[in-house]
């Protein structure tokens, strides 16, 4: 009788099925939590960030500000503006900055900004501003200035509406790397 009690029995099929389902549920919850609070993959759907990001590329938006340097001009961010997918744009002004475009060139606080990431042939010759970015907001623009729906149209974006900082290209394999 003691041998029978101490003998190891294989779990029944329903027991193994429950264990497998529990493990799968745990993995799914971990992936969901990661996407909600840590990092989120996004697909680029428009040409507004060319040449930096092109339609069809997949990028990673990092959501943990505590583990990243403070947000600064030049950073790529993902944010929600109205219904639809998240937007990805570049921060060109932070709270207190005065932002303007003169003949297609960006000026922040009266100084011309060198933008290696913006292709000269994709910059329109419009004039905009100057506008002062309110505290707690950022002014965002696409690198493809001639084809970008950005803060020039909808105004500065509240920092609370930012969903993450775009830190890497994940797909296609030939483009994998850290975003400029």
N, C-alpha and C. Protein backbone atom coordinates (compact mmCIF):
# COMPACT_ATOMS: atom_id res chain seq x y z
N UNK A 1 0.81 -1.18 0.00
CA UNK A 1 0.00 0.00 0.00
C UNK A 1 0.86 1.26 0.00
N UNK A 2 1.95 1.28 0.77
CA UNK A 2 2.83 2.44 0.79
C UNK A 2 3.46 2.64 -0.58
N UNK A 3 3.83 1.54 -1.22
CA UNK A 3 4.41 1.65 -2.56
C UNK A 3 3.42 2.30 -3.52
N UNK A 4 2.17 2.00 -3.36
CA UNK A 4 1.17 2.59 -4.24
C UNK A 4 1.04 4.09 -4.00
N UNK A 5 1.14 4.53 -2.77
CA UNK A 5 1.01 5.95 -2.47
C UNK A 5 2.22 6.75 -2.93
N UNK A 6 3.40 6.14 -2.87
CA UNK A 6 4.60 6.88 -3.23
C UNK A 6 4.96 6.74 -4.70
N UNK A 7 4.32 5.83 -5.39
CA UNK A 7 4.61 5.66 -6.80
C UNK A 7 4.19 6.91 -7.57
N UNK A 8 5.05 7.29 -8.51
CA UNK A 8 4.75 8.48 -9.30
C UNK A 8 3.78 8.14 -10.41
N UNK A 9 2.75 8.91 -10.51
CA UNK A 9 1.79 8.69 -11.57
C UNK A 9 1.89 9.82 -12.58
N UNK A 10 1.72 9.49 -13.81
CA UNK A 10 1.69 10.52 -14.85
C UNK A 10 0.36 11.25 -14.74
N UNK A 11 0.39 12.56 -14.93
CA UNK A 11 -0.89 13.29 -14.90
C UNK A 11 -1.80 12.79 -16.01
N UNK A 12 -3.05 12.84 -15.72
CA UNK A 12 -4.02 12.41 -16.72
C UNK A 12 -4.03 13.41 -17.88
N UNK A 13 -4.59 13.02 -18.99
CA UNK A 13 -4.67 13.91 -20.15
C UNK A 13 -5.34 15.23 -19.80
N UNK A 14 -6.46 15.24 -19.10
CA UNK A 14 -7.07 16.53 -18.74
C UNK A 14 -6.14 17.39 -17.88
N UNK A 15 -5.35 16.77 -17.03
CA UNK A 15 -4.41 17.52 -16.18
C UNK A 15 -3.31 18.17 -17.01
N UNK A 16 -2.78 17.42 -17.98
CA UNK A 16 -1.75 17.99 -18.86
C UNK A 16 -2.34 19.10 -19.73
N UNK A 17 -3.55 18.92 -20.18
CA UNK A 17 -4.21 19.93 -21.01
C UNK A 17 -4.39 21.22 -20.21
N UNK A 18 -4.81 21.09 -18.95
CA UNK A 18 -4.97 22.27 -18.09
C UNK A 18 -3.64 22.97 -17.88
N UNK A 19 -2.58 22.22 -17.68
CA UNK A 19 -1.25 22.82 -17.48
C UNK A 19 -0.81 23.56 -18.74
N UNK A 20 -1.00 22.94 -19.89
CA UNK A 20 -0.63 23.58 -21.16
C UNK A 20 -1.43 24.86 -21.37
N UNK A 21 -2.73 24.81 -21.11
CA UNK A 21 -3.56 26.00 -21.25
C UNK A 21 -3.14 27.10 -20.28
N UNK A 22 -2.77 26.72 -19.08
CA UNK A 22 -2.32 27.71 -18.08
C UNK A 22 -1.03 28.38 -18.54
N UNK A 23 -0.10 27.60 -19.07
CA UNK A 23 1.16 28.16 -19.56
C UNK A 23 0.90 29.10 -20.73
N UNK A 24 0.07 28.66 -21.67
CA UNK A 24 -0.25 29.51 -22.83
C UNK A 24 -0.95 30.81 -22.40
N UNK A 25 -1.85 30.71 -21.45
CA UNK A 25 -2.54 31.90 -20.94
C UNK A 25 -1.54 32.85 -20.28
N UNK A 26 -0.60 32.30 -19.53
CA UNK A 26 0.43 33.11 -18.88
C UNK A 26 1.30 33.84 -19.90
N UNK A 27 1.69 33.13 -20.95
CA UNK A 27 2.50 33.75 -22.00
C UNK A 27 1.71 34.85 -22.70
N UNK A 28 0.44 34.59 -23.00
CA UNK A 28 -0.41 35.59 -23.65
C UNK A 28 -0.55 36.83 -22.76
N UNK A 29 -0.75 36.64 -21.47
CA UNK A 29 -0.86 37.78 -20.55
C UNK A 29 0.45 38.56 -20.48
N UNK A 30 1.57 37.86 -20.47
CA UNK A 30 2.87 38.52 -20.44
C UNK A 30 3.09 39.35 -21.71
N UNK A 31 2.75 38.79 -22.87
CA UNK A 31 2.88 39.53 -24.12
C UNK A 31 1.96 40.75 -24.16
N UNK A 32 0.74 40.58 -23.68
CA UNK A 32 -0.20 41.70 -23.63
C UNK A 32 0.30 42.80 -22.70
N UNK A 33 0.77 42.41 -21.53
CA UNK A 33 1.30 43.39 -20.57
C UNK A 33 2.51 44.12 -21.16
N UNK A 34 3.37 43.39 -21.86
CA UNK A 34 4.54 44.01 -22.49
C UNK A 34 4.09 45.04 -23.51
N UNK A 35 3.11 44.67 -24.33
CA UNK A 35 2.63 45.60 -25.35
C UNK A 35 1.95 46.82 -24.74
N UNK A 36 1.22 46.63 -23.66
CA UNK A 36 0.51 47.75 -23.03
C UNK A 36 1.44 48.70 -22.29
N UNK A 37 2.47 48.16 -21.62
CA UNK A 37 3.25 49.01 -20.72
C UNK A 37 4.73 49.13 -21.04
N UNK A 38 5.29 48.28 -21.88
CA UNK A 38 6.73 48.30 -22.10
C UNK A 38 7.09 48.76 -23.52
N UNK A 39 6.65 48.03 -24.53
CA UNK A 39 7.00 48.35 -25.91
C UNK A 39 5.91 47.85 -26.83
N UNK A 40 5.74 48.56 -27.95
CA UNK A 40 4.69 48.18 -28.89
C UNK A 40 5.23 48.24 -30.32
N UNK A 41 5.04 47.17 -31.09
CA UNK A 41 5.43 47.24 -32.49
C UNK A 41 4.38 48.02 -33.29
N UNK A 42 4.85 48.82 -34.24
CA UNK A 42 3.95 49.62 -35.07
C UNK A 42 4.36 49.45 -36.53
N UNK A 43 3.39 49.57 -37.41
CA UNK A 43 3.66 49.51 -38.85
C UNK A 43 3.54 50.91 -39.42
N UNK A 44 4.52 51.32 -40.20
CA UNK A 44 4.49 52.62 -40.86
C UNK A 44 3.59 52.50 -42.08
N UNK A 45 2.57 53.36 -42.16
CA UNK A 45 1.59 53.24 -43.25
C UNK A 45 1.62 54.42 -44.23
N UNK A 46 2.27 55.50 -43.89
CA UNK A 46 2.29 56.66 -44.80
C UNK A 46 3.72 57.03 -45.16
N UNK A 47 3.85 57.96 -46.09
CA UNK A 47 5.16 58.43 -46.55
C UNK A 47 5.65 59.64 -45.76
N UNK A 48 4.95 60.02 -44.70
CA UNK A 48 5.26 61.27 -44.00
C UNK A 48 6.62 61.28 -43.30
N UNK A 49 7.21 60.11 -43.04
CA UNK A 49 8.50 60.07 -42.36
C UNK A 49 9.65 59.70 -43.29
N UNK A 50 9.38 59.65 -44.60
CA UNK A 50 10.48 59.36 -45.53
C UNK A 50 11.48 60.50 -45.53
N UNK A 51 12.74 60.28 -45.67
CA UNK A 51 13.40 59.02 -45.96
C UNK A 51 13.76 58.20 -44.72
N UNK A 52 13.47 58.70 -43.53
CA UNK A 52 13.85 57.98 -42.30
C UNK A 52 13.11 56.65 -42.18
N UNK A 53 11.79 56.68 -42.33
CA UNK A 53 10.96 55.48 -42.24
C UNK A 53 10.09 55.42 -43.48
N UNK A 54 9.93 54.23 -44.04
CA UNK A 54 9.14 54.08 -45.26
C UNK A 54 7.93 53.20 -45.02
N UNK A 55 6.88 53.38 -45.82
CA UNK A 55 5.68 52.56 -45.65
C UNK A 55 6.04 51.07 -45.72
N UNK A 56 5.42 50.30 -44.82
CA UNK A 56 5.67 48.87 -44.75
C UNK A 56 6.69 48.49 -43.70
N UNK A 57 7.51 49.44 -43.24
CA UNK A 57 8.46 49.13 -42.18
C UNK A 57 7.72 48.95 -40.86
N UNK A 58 8.28 48.13 -39.99
CA UNK A 58 7.75 47.94 -38.65
C UNK A 58 8.77 48.49 -37.67
N UNK A 59 8.29 49.28 -36.72
CA UNK A 59 9.17 49.91 -35.74
C UNK A 59 8.73 49.53 -34.33
N UNK A 60 9.59 49.81 -33.36
CA UNK A 60 9.29 49.52 -31.97
C UNK A 60 9.18 50.82 -31.19
N UNK A 61 8.04 51.02 -30.53
CA UNK A 61 7.83 52.20 -29.69
C UNK A 61 8.04 51.80 -28.24
N UNK A 62 9.04 52.39 -27.59
CA UNK A 62 9.39 52.12 -26.19
C UNK A 62 8.51 52.97 -25.30
N UNK A 63 7.83 52.35 -24.32
CA UNK A 63 6.84 53.05 -23.51
C UNK A 63 7.27 53.38 -22.09
N UNK A 64 8.44 52.95 -21.68
CA UNK A 64 8.86 53.17 -20.29
C UNK A 64 9.76 54.40 -20.19
N UNK A 65 9.19 55.56 -19.90
CA UNK A 65 10.01 56.77 -19.84
C UNK A 65 11.05 56.72 -18.72
N UNK A 66 10.79 55.96 -17.67
CA UNK A 66 11.74 55.88 -16.56
C UNK A 66 13.06 55.23 -16.98
N UNK A 67 13.02 54.40 -18.02
CA UNK A 67 14.22 53.72 -18.48
C UNK A 67 14.78 54.32 -19.77
N UNK A 68 14.39 55.54 -20.07
CA UNK A 68 14.86 56.21 -21.29
C UNK A 68 15.28 57.63 -20.92
N UNK A 69 16.17 58.22 -21.72
CA UNK A 69 16.53 59.62 -21.45
C UNK A 69 15.32 60.53 -21.66
N UNK A 70 15.34 61.73 -21.09
CA UNK A 70 14.21 62.65 -21.26
C UNK A 70 13.95 62.94 -22.74
N UNK A 71 12.70 63.18 -23.06
CA UNK A 71 12.29 63.49 -24.43
C UNK A 71 12.97 64.77 -24.89
N UNK A 72 13.48 64.76 -26.12
CA UNK A 72 14.20 65.92 -26.63
C UNK A 72 13.87 66.16 -28.10
N UNK A 73 14.22 67.34 -28.59
CA UNK A 73 14.07 67.64 -30.00
C UNK A 73 14.84 66.61 -30.80
N UNK A 74 14.22 66.16 -31.89
CA UNK A 74 14.87 65.16 -32.74
C UNK A 74 14.40 63.74 -32.49
N UNK A 75 13.76 63.49 -31.34
CA UNK A 75 13.26 62.15 -31.04
C UNK A 75 12.06 61.82 -31.91
N UNK A 76 11.92 60.54 -32.26
CA UNK A 76 10.73 60.06 -32.95
C UNK A 76 9.75 59.56 -31.91
N UNK A 77 8.48 59.94 -32.05
CA UNK A 77 7.47 59.54 -31.08
C UNK A 77 6.24 58.97 -31.78
N UNK A 78 5.54 58.12 -31.06
CA UNK A 78 4.24 57.59 -31.50
C UNK A 78 3.19 58.21 -30.60
N UNK A 79 2.09 58.63 -31.21
CA UNK A 79 1.02 59.28 -30.43
C UNK A 79 -0.31 59.05 -31.10
N UNK A 80 -1.36 59.25 -30.34
CA UNK A 80 -2.73 59.11 -30.83
C UNK A 80 -3.28 60.49 -31.12
N UNK A 81 -3.86 60.64 -32.31
CA UNK A 81 -4.55 61.88 -32.65
C UNK A 81 -5.83 61.49 -33.38
N UNK A 82 -6.92 61.53 -32.68
CA UNK A 82 -8.19 61.16 -33.28
C UNK A 82 -8.30 59.66 -33.49
N UNK A 83 -9.34 59.25 -34.21
CA UNK A 83 -9.52 57.82 -34.47
C UNK A 83 -8.48 57.33 -35.47
N UNK A 84 -8.25 56.05 -35.45
CA UNK A 84 -7.30 55.48 -36.40
C UNK A 84 -6.01 55.06 -35.73
N UNK A 85 -5.02 54.74 -36.55
CA UNK A 85 -3.75 54.22 -36.02
C UNK A 85 -2.94 55.31 -35.33
N UNK A 86 -1.89 54.88 -34.66
CA UNK A 86 -0.97 55.82 -34.05
C UNK A 86 -0.17 56.54 -35.13
N UNK A 87 0.17 57.78 -34.87
CA UNK A 87 1.04 58.55 -35.76
C UNK A 87 2.47 58.41 -35.27
N UNK A 88 3.42 58.47 -36.19
CA UNK A 88 4.84 58.52 -35.85
C UNK A 88 5.38 59.79 -36.48
N UNK A 89 5.95 60.67 -35.65
CA UNK A 89 6.51 61.94 -36.12
C UNK A 89 7.76 62.27 -35.31
N UNK A 90 8.45 63.32 -35.74
CA UNK A 90 9.66 63.77 -35.06
C UNK A 90 9.35 65.00 -34.21
N UNK A 91 9.86 65.02 -32.98
CA UNK A 91 9.70 66.18 -32.10
C UNK A 91 10.66 67.26 -32.59
N UNK A 92 10.10 68.43 -32.95
CA UNK A 92 10.95 69.55 -33.39
C UNK A 92 10.91 70.70 -32.39
N UNK A 93 9.98 70.65 -31.45
CA UNK A 93 9.91 71.70 -30.43
C UNK A 93 9.29 71.16 -29.15
N UNK A 94 9.79 71.64 -28.02
CA UNK A 94 9.26 71.24 -26.71
C UNK A 94 8.69 72.48 -26.03
N UNK A 95 8.06 72.29 -24.89
CA UNK A 95 7.42 73.40 -24.18
C UNK A 95 8.32 74.62 -24.05
N UNK A 96 7.79 75.78 -24.47
CA UNK A 96 8.54 77.03 -24.39
C UNK A 96 9.27 77.40 -25.67
N UNK A 97 9.47 76.44 -26.58
CA UNK A 97 10.16 76.72 -27.84
C UNK A 97 9.26 77.53 -28.77
N UNK A 98 9.90 78.34 -29.60
CA UNK A 98 9.21 79.07 -30.66
C UNK A 98 9.61 78.42 -31.98
N UNK A 99 8.64 77.83 -32.67
CA UNK A 99 8.89 77.04 -33.88
C UNK A 99 8.36 77.78 -35.10
N UNK A 100 9.16 77.78 -36.18
CA UNK A 100 8.75 78.41 -37.42
C UNK A 100 9.40 77.70 -38.60
N UNK A 101 8.77 77.84 -39.75
CA UNK A 101 9.36 77.40 -41.02
C UNK A 101 9.48 78.63 -41.90
N UNK A 102 10.65 78.81 -42.47
CA UNK A 102 10.88 79.91 -43.40
C UNK A 102 11.48 79.31 -44.67
N UNK A 103 10.74 79.41 -45.74
CA UNK A 103 11.15 78.85 -47.02
C UNK A 103 11.57 77.39 -46.87
N UNK A 104 10.78 76.66 -46.08
CA UNK A 104 11.02 75.23 -45.91
C UNK A 104 12.06 74.86 -44.88
N UNK A 105 12.74 75.82 -44.28
CA UNK A 105 13.77 75.53 -43.27
C UNK A 105 13.19 75.72 -41.88
N UNK A 106 13.52 74.79 -40.99
CA UNK A 106 13.03 74.82 -39.61
C UNK A 106 13.86 75.79 -38.77
N UNK A 107 13.14 76.63 -38.01
CA UNK A 107 13.77 77.53 -37.06
C UNK A 107 13.16 77.28 -35.69
N UNK A 108 14.01 77.09 -34.69
CA UNK A 108 13.57 76.92 -33.31
C UNK A 108 14.25 77.99 -32.48
N UNK A 109 13.44 78.79 -31.82
CA UNK A 109 13.93 79.90 -31.00
C UNK A 109 14.82 80.85 -31.81
N UNK A 110 14.42 81.08 -33.07
CA UNK A 110 15.12 82.02 -33.93
C UNK A 110 16.35 81.47 -34.63
N UNK A 111 16.73 80.24 -34.34
CA UNK A 111 17.94 79.65 -34.95
C UNK A 111 17.56 78.56 -35.94
N UNK A 112 18.26 78.56 -37.07
CA UNK A 112 18.05 77.53 -38.09
C UNK A 112 18.53 76.18 -37.53
N UNK A 113 17.73 75.14 -37.77
CA UNK A 113 18.06 73.80 -37.29
C UNK A 113 18.54 72.97 -38.46
N UNK A 114 19.71 72.37 -38.32
CA UNK A 114 20.22 71.47 -39.35
C UNK A 114 19.52 70.13 -39.17
N UNK A 115 18.86 69.68 -40.23
CA UNK A 115 18.07 68.45 -40.16
C UNK A 115 18.60 67.44 -41.18
N UNK A 116 19.58 66.67 -40.77
CA UNK A 116 20.18 65.67 -41.66
C UNK A 116 19.17 64.60 -42.06
N UNK A 117 18.15 64.39 -41.25
CA UNK A 117 17.16 63.35 -41.49
C UNK A 117 16.09 63.77 -42.50
N UNK A 118 15.94 65.05 -42.77
CA UNK A 118 14.91 65.53 -43.70
C UNK A 118 15.54 65.74 -45.07
N UNK A 119 15.04 65.02 -46.07
CA UNK A 119 15.58 65.14 -47.42
C UNK A 119 15.20 66.49 -48.01
N UNK A 120 16.17 67.25 -48.52
CA UNK A 120 15.88 68.58 -49.07
C UNK A 120 14.84 68.57 -50.18
N UNK A 121 14.81 67.52 -51.00
CA UNK A 121 13.84 67.47 -52.09
C UNK A 121 12.43 67.16 -51.61
N UNK A 122 12.26 66.84 -50.33
CA UNK A 122 10.94 66.55 -49.78
C UNK A 122 10.45 67.67 -48.84
N UNK A 123 11.18 68.76 -48.80
CA UNK A 123 10.79 69.88 -47.94
C UNK A 123 10.09 70.92 -48.80
N UNK A 124 8.87 71.28 -48.41
CA UNK A 124 8.14 72.28 -49.18
C UNK A 124 8.67 73.66 -48.85
N UNK A 125 8.30 74.64 -49.64
CA UNK A 125 8.82 75.99 -49.43
C UNK A 125 7.83 76.88 -48.70
N UNK A 126 6.96 76.30 -47.92
CA UNK A 126 5.96 77.09 -47.20
C UNK A 126 6.57 77.82 -46.01
N UNK A 127 5.82 78.78 -45.57
CA UNK A 127 6.17 79.51 -44.36
C UNK A 127 5.14 79.14 -43.31
N UNK A 128 5.58 79.00 -42.08
CA UNK A 128 4.68 78.65 -40.99
C UNK A 128 5.19 79.31 -39.72
N UNK A 129 4.26 79.80 -38.92
CA UNK A 129 4.60 80.31 -37.60
C UNK A 129 5.16 81.71 -37.64
N UNK A 130 5.81 82.08 -36.59
CA UNK A 130 6.21 81.24 -35.46
C UNK A 130 5.06 80.99 -34.48
N UNK A 131 5.15 79.84 -33.82
CA UNK A 131 4.23 79.50 -32.75
C UNK A 131 5.05 79.12 -31.53
N UNK A 132 4.52 79.41 -30.36
CA UNK A 132 5.18 79.02 -29.11
C UNK A 132 4.53 77.73 -28.62
N UNK A 133 5.35 76.74 -28.34
CA UNK A 133 4.86 75.44 -27.87
C UNK A 133 4.52 75.58 -26.39
N UNK A 134 3.27 75.30 -26.00
CA UNK A 134 2.90 75.40 -24.58
C UNK A 134 3.64 74.36 -23.73
N UNK A 135 3.82 74.69 -22.46
CA UNK A 135 4.42 73.72 -21.53
C UNK A 135 3.56 72.46 -21.51
N UNK A 136 4.21 71.32 -21.39
CA UNK A 136 3.50 70.05 -21.35
C UNK A 136 3.11 69.52 -22.72
N UNK A 137 3.58 70.20 -23.79
CA UNK A 137 3.27 69.75 -25.15
C UNK A 137 4.54 69.71 -25.98
N UNK A 138 4.44 69.03 -27.13
CA UNK A 138 5.54 68.98 -28.08
C UNK A 138 5.01 69.31 -29.47
N UNK A 139 5.87 69.88 -30.29
CA UNK A 139 5.52 70.20 -31.67
C UNK A 139 6.17 69.12 -32.52
N UNK A 140 5.36 68.41 -33.33
CA UNK A 140 5.87 67.28 -34.12
C UNK A 140 5.68 67.54 -35.61
N UNK A 141 6.63 67.04 -36.39
CA UNK A 141 6.54 67.15 -37.84
C UNK A 141 7.09 65.88 -38.47
N UNK A 142 6.60 65.57 -39.66
CA UNK A 142 7.14 64.46 -40.42
C UNK A 142 8.42 64.89 -41.12
N UNK A 143 9.32 63.95 -41.37
CA UNK A 143 10.56 64.28 -42.09
C UNK A 143 10.29 64.63 -43.54
N UNK A 144 9.20 64.12 -44.09
CA UNK A 144 8.78 64.44 -45.46
C UNK A 144 7.83 65.63 -45.36
N UNK A 145 8.38 66.81 -45.17
CA UNK A 145 7.60 68.01 -44.86
C UNK A 145 6.55 68.34 -45.90
N UNK A 146 6.77 67.98 -47.14
CA UNK A 146 5.81 68.29 -48.18
C UNK A 146 4.61 67.35 -48.18
N UNK A 147 4.67 66.27 -47.39
CA UNK A 147 3.60 65.28 -47.38
C UNK A 147 3.41 64.74 -45.96
N UNK A 148 3.11 65.64 -45.03
CA UNK A 148 2.97 65.22 -43.64
C UNK A 148 1.83 65.97 -42.96
N UNK A 149 0.94 65.21 -42.35
CA UNK A 149 -0.13 65.77 -41.51
C UNK A 149 0.44 65.80 -40.10
N UNK A 150 0.75 66.98 -39.59
CA UNK A 150 1.48 67.08 -38.33
C UNK A 150 1.02 68.30 -37.53
N UNK A 151 1.84 68.75 -36.59
CA UNK A 151 1.45 69.86 -35.70
C UNK A 151 1.14 71.15 -36.45
N UNK A 152 1.61 71.29 -37.66
CA UNK A 152 1.24 72.48 -38.44
C UNK A 152 -0.25 72.49 -38.71
N UNK A 153 -0.86 71.28 -38.78
CA UNK A 153 -2.30 71.17 -39.05
C UNK A 153 -3.12 71.04 -37.77
N UNK A 154 -2.66 70.23 -36.81
CA UNK A 154 -3.48 69.95 -35.62
C UNK A 154 -2.92 70.51 -34.33
N UNK A 155 -1.83 71.24 -34.39
CA UNK A 155 -1.28 71.89 -33.21
C UNK A 155 -0.36 70.98 -32.40
N UNK A 156 0.23 71.54 -31.35
CA UNK A 156 1.12 70.76 -30.50
C UNK A 156 0.39 69.57 -29.85
N UNK A 157 1.15 68.53 -29.55
CA UNK A 157 0.61 67.31 -28.97
C UNK A 157 0.95 67.29 -27.48
N UNK A 158 -0.07 66.99 -26.66
CA UNK A 158 0.16 66.89 -25.21
C UNK A 158 1.09 65.71 -24.92
N UNK A 159 2.03 65.91 -24.02
CA UNK A 159 2.94 64.82 -23.65
C UNK A 159 2.17 63.60 -23.14
N UNK A 160 1.03 63.83 -22.53
CA UNK A 160 0.21 62.72 -22.04
C UNK A 160 -0.36 61.87 -23.18
N UNK A 161 -0.43 62.43 -24.40
CA UNK A 161 -0.94 61.69 -25.55
C UNK A 161 0.14 60.88 -26.26
N UNK A 162 1.39 61.07 -25.87
CA UNK A 162 2.48 60.30 -26.46
C UNK A 162 2.39 58.87 -25.96
N UNK A 163 2.47 57.91 -26.87
CA UNK A 163 2.38 56.49 -26.50
C UNK A 163 3.75 55.85 -26.35
N UNK A 164 4.77 56.46 -26.92
CA UNK A 164 6.10 55.89 -26.80
C UNK A 164 7.09 56.58 -27.71
N UNK A 165 8.35 56.28 -27.48
CA UNK A 165 9.44 56.79 -28.29
C UNK A 165 9.85 55.70 -29.27
N UNK A 166 9.87 56.02 -30.55
CA UNK A 166 10.24 55.03 -31.57
C UNK A 166 11.76 54.88 -31.54
N UNK A 167 12.21 53.67 -31.19
CA UNK A 167 13.63 53.47 -30.95
C UNK A 167 14.31 52.55 -31.95
N UNK A 168 13.55 51.75 -32.70
CA UNK A 168 14.20 50.80 -33.60
C UNK A 168 13.29 50.40 -34.75
N UNK A 169 13.93 50.03 -35.85
CA UNK A 169 13.22 49.43 -36.97
C UNK A 169 13.35 47.92 -36.81
N UNK A 170 12.22 47.20 -36.86
CA UNK A 170 12.21 45.75 -36.67
C UNK A 170 12.10 44.98 -37.97
N UNK A 171 11.52 45.60 -39.00
CA UNK A 171 11.28 44.90 -40.25
C UNK A 171 11.24 45.90 -41.37
N UNK A 172 11.74 45.61 -42.54
CA UNK A 172 12.32 44.37 -43.02
C UNK A 172 13.73 44.16 -42.49
N UNK A 173 14.23 42.93 -42.60
CA UNK A 173 15.55 42.62 -42.04
C UNK A 173 16.68 43.53 -42.55
N UNK A 174 16.59 43.97 -43.79
CA UNK A 174 17.64 44.83 -44.33
C UNK A 174 17.66 46.22 -43.70
N UNK A 175 16.59 46.60 -42.97
CA UNK A 175 16.50 47.92 -42.35
C UNK A 175 16.59 47.87 -40.83
N UNK A 176 16.76 46.69 -40.25
CA UNK A 176 16.77 46.55 -38.79
C UNK A 176 17.86 47.40 -38.19
N UNK A 177 17.51 48.13 -37.14
CA UNK A 177 18.50 48.96 -36.45
C UNK A 177 17.84 50.04 -35.63
N UNK A 178 18.66 50.84 -34.99
CA UNK A 178 18.21 51.94 -34.15
C UNK A 178 17.77 53.09 -35.06
N UNK A 179 16.68 53.77 -34.70
CA UNK A 179 16.19 54.88 -35.51
C UNK A 179 17.07 56.12 -35.30
N UNK A 180 17.27 56.89 -36.39
CA UNK A 180 18.07 58.12 -36.25
C UNK A 180 17.25 59.25 -35.65
